[in-house]
Amino acid sequence: MSQHQSLKGGSSKIQAKRNVMKRFERIEVLKKQGRFKDGQRVFGLPKTKPE
């Protein structure tokens, strides 16, 4: 059985910019902006845009 084109992970394809970030990525962005401190709760984070 062959694999569908959309599931193949070719390195030659142009990678689209993701518009959804994982929690750890959001925390990294907030730390760079000075909006997150260590020990702060990780739930209910403010919205962030990928860099």
N, C-alpha and C. Protein backbone atom coordinates (compact mmCIF):
# COMPACT_ATOMS: atom_id res chain seq x y z
N MET A 1 0.85 -1.18 0.00
CA MET A 1 0.00 0.00 0.00
C MET A 1 0.89 1.24 0.00
N SER A 2 0.56 2.20 -0.80
CA SER A 2 1.38 3.40 -0.89
C SER A 2 0.92 4.44 0.13
N GLN A 3 1.81 5.38 0.40
CA GLN A 3 1.53 6.43 1.37
C GLN A 3 0.99 7.66 0.65
N HIS A 4 -0.02 8.31 1.26
CA HIS A 4 -0.61 9.49 0.66
C HIS A 4 0.42 10.61 0.59
N GLN A 5 0.34 11.45 -0.44
CA GLN A 5 1.30 12.52 -0.66
C GLN A 5 1.42 13.47 0.53
N SER A 6 0.31 13.78 1.19
CA SER A 6 0.34 14.75 2.27
C SER A 6 1.04 14.21 3.52
N LEU A 7 1.23 12.90 3.60
CA LEU A 7 1.87 12.31 4.76
C LEU A 7 3.36 12.10 4.59
N LYS A 8 3.84 12.27 3.39
CA LYS A 8 5.26 12.07 3.15
C LYS A 8 6.04 13.27 3.69
N GLY A 9 7.17 13.02 4.32
CA GLY A 9 7.97 14.08 4.92
C GLY A 9 9.17 14.43 4.08
N GLY A 10 8.96 14.86 2.87
CA GLY A 10 10.06 15.22 2.00
C GLY A 10 10.78 16.46 2.47
N SER A 11 12.10 16.43 2.46
CA SER A 11 12.86 17.59 2.90
C SER A 11 12.91 18.68 1.82
N SER A 12 12.55 18.32 0.60
CA SER A 12 12.60 19.31 -0.48
C SER A 12 11.38 20.21 -0.49
N LYS A 13 10.35 19.86 0.27
CA LYS A 13 9.14 20.68 0.29
C LYS A 13 9.38 21.95 1.09
N ILE A 14 8.66 22.98 0.74
CA ILE A 14 8.72 24.23 1.49
C ILE A 14 7.91 24.04 2.77
N GLN A 15 8.54 24.34 3.89
CA GLN A 15 7.86 24.18 5.18
C GLN A 15 6.98 25.39 5.43
N ALA A 16 5.71 25.15 5.69
CA ALA A 16 4.78 26.23 5.97
C ALA A 16 4.97 26.69 7.41
N LYS A 17 4.77 27.96 7.66
CA LYS A 17 4.89 28.51 9.00
C LYS A 17 3.66 28.09 9.80
N ARG A 18 3.92 27.47 10.94
CA ARG A 18 2.80 27.02 11.77
C ARG A 18 2.19 28.21 12.49
N ASN A 19 0.88 28.20 12.67
CA ASN A 19 0.23 29.28 13.39
C ASN A 19 -0.23 28.83 14.77
N VAL A 20 0.11 27.61 15.15
CA VAL A 20 -0.23 27.11 16.47
C VAL A 20 1.06 26.71 17.16
N MET A 21 1.25 27.19 18.38
CA MET A 21 2.47 26.90 19.11
C MET A 21 2.19 25.97 20.27
N LYS A 22 3.14 25.13 20.59
CA LYS A 22 3.03 24.28 21.76
C LYS A 22 3.29 25.12 23.00
N ARG A 23 2.87 24.61 24.16
CA ARG A 23 2.97 25.39 25.39
C ARG A 23 4.42 25.82 25.67
N PHE A 24 5.38 24.90 25.51
CA PHE A 24 6.77 25.26 25.81
C PHE A 24 7.28 26.34 24.87
N GLU A 25 6.78 26.35 23.62
CA GLU A 25 7.19 27.39 22.68
C GLU A 25 6.61 28.74 23.09
N ARG A 26 5.36 28.74 23.56
CA ARG A 26 4.73 29.98 24.01
C ARG A 26 5.44 30.54 25.22
N ILE A 27 5.86 29.66 26.13
CA ILE A 27 6.57 30.10 27.33
C ILE A 27 7.91 30.72 26.95
N GLU A 28 8.61 30.12 25.99
CA GLU A 28 9.89 30.68 25.54
C GLU A 28 9.70 32.09 24.99
N VAL A 29 8.67 32.30 24.18
CA VAL A 29 8.40 33.61 23.60
C VAL A 29 8.06 34.61 24.70
N LEU A 30 7.23 34.19 25.66
CA LEU A 30 6.84 35.08 26.75
C LEU A 30 8.03 35.45 27.62
N LYS A 31 8.95 34.50 27.84
CA LYS A 31 10.16 34.79 28.63
C LYS A 31 11.02 35.83 27.92
N LYS A 32 11.16 35.70 26.59
CA LYS A 32 11.94 36.68 25.82
C LYS A 32 11.34 38.07 25.94
N GLN A 33 10.01 38.13 26.01
CA GLN A 33 9.31 39.41 26.10
C GLN A 33 9.23 39.92 27.53
N GLY A 34 9.64 39.08 28.50
CA GLY A 34 9.59 39.47 29.91
C GLY A 34 8.19 39.39 30.50
N ARG A 35 7.32 38.61 29.89
CA ARG A 35 5.93 38.50 30.35
C ARG A 35 5.67 37.21 31.12
N PHE A 36 6.71 36.39 31.34
CA PHE A 36 6.56 35.13 32.06
C PHE A 36 7.73 35.00 33.03
N LYS A 37 7.39 34.65 34.28
CA LYS A 37 8.43 34.47 35.30
C LYS A 37 8.43 33.01 35.75
N ASP A 38 9.59 32.53 36.15
CA ASP A 38 9.69 31.15 36.65
C ASP A 38 8.76 30.98 37.85
N GLY A 39 8.09 29.83 37.90
CA GLY A 39 7.16 29.55 38.99
C GLY A 39 5.74 30.00 38.71
N GLN A 40 5.55 30.71 37.61
CA GLN A 40 4.21 31.16 37.23
C GLN A 40 3.43 29.99 36.65
N ARG A 41 2.11 30.03 36.80
CA ARG A 41 1.27 28.95 36.28
C ARG A 41 1.35 28.90 34.75
N VAL A 42 1.30 27.67 34.21
CA VAL A 42 1.42 27.50 32.76
C VAL A 42 0.07 27.37 32.08
N PHE A 43 -1.00 27.49 32.85
CA PHE A 43 -2.34 27.43 32.27
C PHE A 43 -2.88 28.85 32.10
N GLY A 44 -3.64 29.06 31.06
CA GLY A 44 -4.24 30.38 30.81
C GLY A 44 -3.20 31.39 30.35
N LEU A 45 -2.24 30.95 29.54
CA LEU A 45 -1.21 31.85 29.04
C LEU A 45 -1.82 32.85 28.06
N PRO A 46 -1.26 34.07 27.99
CA PRO A 46 -1.75 35.01 27.00
C PRO A 46 -1.39 34.56 25.58
N LYS A 47 -2.12 35.09 24.63
CA LYS A 47 -1.86 34.73 23.23
C LYS A 47 -0.50 35.25 22.79
N THR A 48 0.16 34.47 21.95
CA THR A 48 1.45 34.88 21.40
C THR A 48 1.47 34.55 19.92
N LYS A 49 2.31 35.26 19.18
CA LYS A 49 2.48 34.96 17.77
C LYS A 49 3.87 34.37 17.55
N PRO A 50 3.98 33.40 16.67
CA PRO A 50 5.30 32.82 16.40
C PRO A 50 6.25 33.86 15.81
N GLU A 51 7.52 33.71 16.13
CA GLU A 51 8.51 34.66 15.62
C GLU A 51 9.03 34.24 14.29
